[in-house]
Amino acid sequence: MKEGLVQIYTGKGKGKTTAAIGQAIRARGTGLRILFVQFLKGKEGSGEIPLLEKLGIKVICKGEKDRWLFPDRLKEEQKKKIRLEWTHFLDEINRQVREEKYDLVILDEINVALYYGLIDKNRL
């Protein structure tokens, strides 16, 4: 696997996902293979997801089907279930990155998932 760069868009307010989507579109425009993973957002009802998929960008959403997953509203039992599920999910993402040789991998809302303990930082 070739060595790459890490860019982190973080902070309160708007613009982080938009910046990542812009990066994905620019990269796809030059022929690169893109994997766009959203950790807290659902796929249905999203305006950007169908467009990204039409451009040939693979999108995986791990939130609720049609809405955001709000980690601060989860009970501890729910968090445990998500942690287990997302541990397997991260293993699958790592497998796909290795086997399908993506040039750009975007992990949207990963910092929020880490902050609420939904993902083990050592698994990234």
C-alpha atoms as a PDB file:
ATOM      1  CA  MET A   1       0.000   0.000   0.000  1.00  0.00           C
ATOM      2  CA  LYS A   2       1.383   3.384  -0.929  1.00  0.00           C
ATOM      3  CA  GLU A   3       1.823   6.069   1.690  1.00  0.00           C
ATOM      4  CA  GLY A   4      -0.667   8.909   1.618  1.00  0.00           C
ATOM      5  CA  LEU A   5      -1.791  12.025   3.397  1.00  0.00           C
ATOM      6  CA  VAL A   6      -4.305  12.485   6.186  1.00  0.00           C
ATOM      7  CA  GLN A   7      -6.556  15.514   6.215  1.00  0.00           C
ATOM      8  CA  ILE A   8      -8.817  16.204   9.188  1.00  0.00           C
ATOM      9  CA  TYR A   9     -11.776  18.554   9.030  1.00  0.00           C
ATOM     10  CA  THR A  10     -13.063  19.111  12.554  1.00  0.00           C
ATOM     11  CA  GLY A  11     -14.837  21.662  14.714  1.00  0.00           C
ATOM     12  CA  LYS A  12     -18.328  22.928  15.368  1.00  0.00           C
ATOM     13  CA  GLY A  13     -20.500  24.296  12.638  1.00  0.00           C
ATOM     14  CA  LYS A  14     -20.935  23.638   8.960  1.00  0.00           C
ATOM     15  CA  GLY A  15     -18.501  22.830   6.198  1.00  0.00           C
ATOM     16  CA  LYS A  16     -16.638  19.661   7.187  1.00  0.00           C
ATOM     17  CA  THR A  17     -18.635  17.203   5.101  1.00  0.00           C
ATOM     18  CA  THR A  18     -18.861  19.750   2.293  1.00  0.00           C
ATOM     19  CA  ALA A  19     -15.063  20.085   2.236  1.00  0.00           C
ATOM     20  CA  ALA A  20     -14.667  16.299   2.170  1.00  0.00           C
ATOM     21  CA  ILE A  21     -17.210  15.975  -0.647  1.00  0.00           C
ATOM     22  CA  GLY A  22     -15.354  18.633  -2.631  1.00  0.00           C
ATOM     23  CA  GLN A  23     -12.136  16.686  -2.151  1.00  0.00           C
ATOM     24  CA  ALA A  24     -13.882  13.493  -3.315  1.00  0.00           C
ATOM     25  CA  ILE A  25     -15.300  15.129  -6.435  1.00  0.00           C
ATOM     26  CA  ARG A  26     -11.938  16.657  -7.388  1.00  0.00           C
ATOM     27  CA  ALA A  27     -10.193  13.322  -6.881  1.00  0.00           C
ATOM     28  CA  ARG A  28     -12.841  11.429  -8.851  1.00  0.00           C
ATOM     29  CA  GLY A  29     -12.510  13.985 -11.641  1.00  0.00           C
ATOM     30  CA  THR A  30      -8.887  12.920 -12.071  1.00  0.00           C
ATOM     31  CA  GLY A  31      -9.860   9.251 -12.222  1.00  0.00           C
ATOM     32  CA  LEU A  32      -9.069   8.245  -8.642  1.00  0.00           C
ATOM     33  CA  ARG A  33     -11.046   5.555  -6.809  1.00  0.00           C
ATOM     34  CA  ILE A  34     -12.942   6.922  -3.800  1.00  0.00           C
ATOM     35  CA  LEU A  35     -14.560   5.329  -0.747  1.00  0.00           C
ATOM     36  CA  PHE A  36     -16.803   7.708   1.222  1.00  0.00           C
ATOM     37  CA  VAL A  37     -17.926   6.372   4.620  1.00  0.00           C
ATOM     38  CA  GLN A  38     -20.417   8.290   6.764  1.00  0.00           C
ATOM     39  CA  PHE A  39     -20.533   7.091  10.354  1.00  0.00           C
ATOM     40  CA  LEU A  40     -23.518   8.910  11.835  1.00  0.00           C
ATOM     41  CA  LYS A  41     -25.656   9.817   8.847  1.00  0.00           C
ATOM     42  CA  GLY A  42     -28.300   7.794   7.063  1.00  0.00           C
ATOM     43  CA  LYS A  43     -28.330   7.325   3.310  1.00  0.00           C
ATOM     44  CA  GLU A  44     -32.002   8.006   2.632  1.00  0.00           C
ATOM     45  CA  GLY A  45     -33.014  11.633   2.339  1.00  0.00           C
ATOM     46  CA  SER A  46     -29.484  12.771   1.586  1.00  0.00           C
ATOM     47  CA  GLY A  47     -29.065  15.055  -1.396  1.00  0.00           C
ATOM     48  CA  GLU A  48     -25.366  14.451  -1.901  1.00  0.00           C
ATOM     49  CA  ILE A  49     -25.213  10.637  -1.731  1.00  0.00           C
ATOM     50  CA  PRO A  50     -27.035   9.856  -5.021  1.00  0.00           C
ATOM     51  CA  LEU A  51     -24.845  12.382  -6.843  1.00  0.00           C
ATOM     52  CA  LEU A  52     -21.629  10.929  -5.416  1.00  0.00           C
ATOM     53  CA  GLU A  53     -22.744   7.442  -6.443  1.00  0.00           C
ATOM     54  CA  LYS A  54     -23.557   8.649  -9.977  1.00  0.00           C
ATOM     55  CA  LEU A  55     -19.996   9.947 -10.179  1.00  0.00           C
ATOM     56  CA  GLY A  56     -18.695   6.464  -9.359  1.00  0.00           C
ATOM     57  CA  ILE A  57     -17.844   7.152  -5.719  1.00  0.00           C
ATOM     58  CA  LYS A  58     -18.608   4.239  -3.415  1.00  0.00           C
ATOM     59  CA  VAL A  59     -20.652   5.441  -0.423  1.00  0.00           C
ATOM     60  CA  ILE A  60     -21.343   3.519   2.779  1.00  0.00           C
ATOM     61  CA  CYS A  61     -23.543   5.047   5.497  1.00  0.00           C
ATOM     62  CA  LYS A  62     -23.541   3.646   9.003  1.00  0.00           C
ATOM     63  CA  GLY A  63     -26.178   5.875  10.634  1.00  0.00           C
ATOM     64  CA  GLU A  64     -29.876   5.169  10.929  1.00  0.00           C
ATOM     65  CA  LYS A  65     -31.586   4.434   7.606  1.00  0.00           C
ATOM     66  CA  ASP A  66     -33.141   7.821   7.076  1.00  0.00           C
ATOM     67  CA  ARG A  67     -31.777  10.039   9.805  1.00  0.00           C
ATOM     68  CA  TRP A  68     -28.797  10.960  11.912  1.00  0.00           C
ATOM     69  CA  LEU A  69     -27.598   8.774  14.736  1.00  0.00           C
ATOM     70  CA  PHE A  70     -27.240  11.041  17.781  1.00  0.00           C
ATOM     71  CA  PRO A  71     -24.602   9.436  20.041  1.00  0.00           C
ATOM     72  CA  ASP A  72     -25.290  11.751  22.980  1.00  0.00           C
ATOM     73  CA  ARG A  73     -28.840  10.339  23.165  1.00  0.00           C
ATOM     74  CA  LEU A  74     -27.787   6.686  23.278  1.00  0.00           C
ATOM     75  CA  LYS A  75     -28.052   4.550  26.378  1.00  0.00           C
ATOM     76  CA  GLU A  76     -24.916   2.633  27.389  1.00  0.00           C
ATOM     77  CA  GLU A  77     -26.436  -0.662  26.210  1.00  0.00           C
ATOM     78  CA  GLN A  78     -27.019   0.847  22.758  1.00  0.00           C
ATOM     79  CA  LYS A  79     -23.443   2.153  22.658  1.00  0.00           C
ATOM     80  CA  LYS A  80     -22.088  -1.314  23.485  1.00  0.00           C
ATOM     81  CA  LYS A  81     -24.091  -2.824  20.638  1.00  0.00           C
ATOM     82  CA  ILE A  82     -22.866  -0.160  18.205  1.00  0.00           C
ATOM     83  CA  ARG A  83     -19.237  -0.580  19.370  1.00  0.00           C
ATOM     84  CA  LEU A  84     -19.366  -4.294  18.590  1.00  0.00           C
ATOM     85  CA  GLU A  85     -21.073  -3.770  15.242  1.00  0.00           C
ATOM     86  CA  TRP A  86     -18.714  -0.976  14.221  1.00  0.00           C
ATOM     87  CA  THR A  87     -15.634  -2.989  15.200  1.00  0.00           C
ATOM     88  CA  HIS A  88     -16.652  -5.532  12.563  1.00  0.00           C
ATOM     89  CA  PHE A  89     -17.568  -2.708  10.207  1.00  0.00           C
ATOM     90  CA  LEU A  90     -14.086  -1.148  10.526  1.00  0.00           C
ATOM     91  CA  ASP A  91     -12.531  -4.526   9.785  1.00  0.00           C
ATOM     92  CA  GLU A  92     -14.637  -4.671   6.612  1.00  0.00           C
ATOM     93  CA  ILE A  93     -13.650  -1.125   5.604  1.00  0.00           C
ATOM     94  CA  ASN A  94      -9.964  -1.986   6.108  1.00  0.00           C
ATOM     95  CA  ARG A  95     -10.411  -5.102   3.969  1.00  0.00           C
ATOM     96  CA  GLN A  96     -12.079  -3.116   1.198  1.00  0.00           C
ATOM     97  CA  VAL A  97      -9.371  -0.448   1.241  1.00  0.00           C
ATOM     98  CA  ARG A  98      -6.658  -3.097   0.888  1.00  0.00           C
ATOM     99  CA  GLU A  99      -8.398  -5.258  -1.711  1.00  0.00           C
ATOM    100  CA  GLU A 100     -10.099  -2.612  -3.836  1.00  0.00           C
ATOM    101  CA  LYS A 101      -7.124  -0.230  -3.721  1.00  0.00           C
ATOM    102  CA  TYR A 102      -8.953   3.027  -3.115  1.00  0.00           C
ATOM    103  CA  ASP A 103      -6.947   6.172  -3.711  1.00  0.00           C
ATOM    104  CA  LEU A 104      -8.974   8.300  -1.289  1.00  0.00           C
ATOM    105  CA  VAL A 105     -10.889   7.143   1.784  1.00  0.00           C
ATOM    106  CA  ILE A 106     -13.150   9.614   3.579  1.00  0.00           C
ATOM    107  CA  LEU A 107     -14.373   8.772   7.087  1.00  0.00           C
ATOM    108  CA  ASP A 108     -17.071  11.384   7.635  1.00  0.00           C
ATOM    109  CA  GLU A 109     -18.010  12.031  11.298  1.00  0.00           C
ATOM    110  CA  ILE A 110     -15.292   9.637  12.524  1.00  0.00           C
ATOM    111  CA  ASN A 111     -14.118  12.137  15.151  1.00  0.00           C
ATOM    112  CA  VAL A 112     -17.611  12.341  16.650  1.00  0.00           C
ATOM    113  CA  ALA A 113     -17.822   8.543  16.762  1.00  0.00           C
ATOM    114  CA  LEU A 114     -14.431   8.456  18.498  1.00  0.00           C
ATOM    115  CA  TYR A 115     -15.413  11.184  20.966  1.00  0.00           C
ATOM    116  CA  TYR A 116     -18.479   9.224  22.093  1.00  0.00           C
ATOM    117  CA  GLY A 117     -16.545   5.969  22.350  1.00  0.00           C
ATOM    118  CA  LEU A 118     -18.397   4.250  19.513  1.00  0.00           C
ATOM    119  CA  ILE A 119     -15.113   3.270  17.869  1.00  0.00           C
ATOM    120  CA  ASP A 120     -11.840   2.079  19.349  1.00  0.00           C
ATOM    121  CA  LYS A 121      -9.153   4.508  18.132  1.00  0.00           C
ATOM    122  CA  ASN A 122      -6.667   1.627  18.018  1.00  0.00           C
ATOM    123  CA  ARG A 123      -8.765  -0.007  15.276  1.00  0.00           C
ATOM    124  CA  LEU A 124      -8.307   2.866  12.836  1.00  0.00           C
END
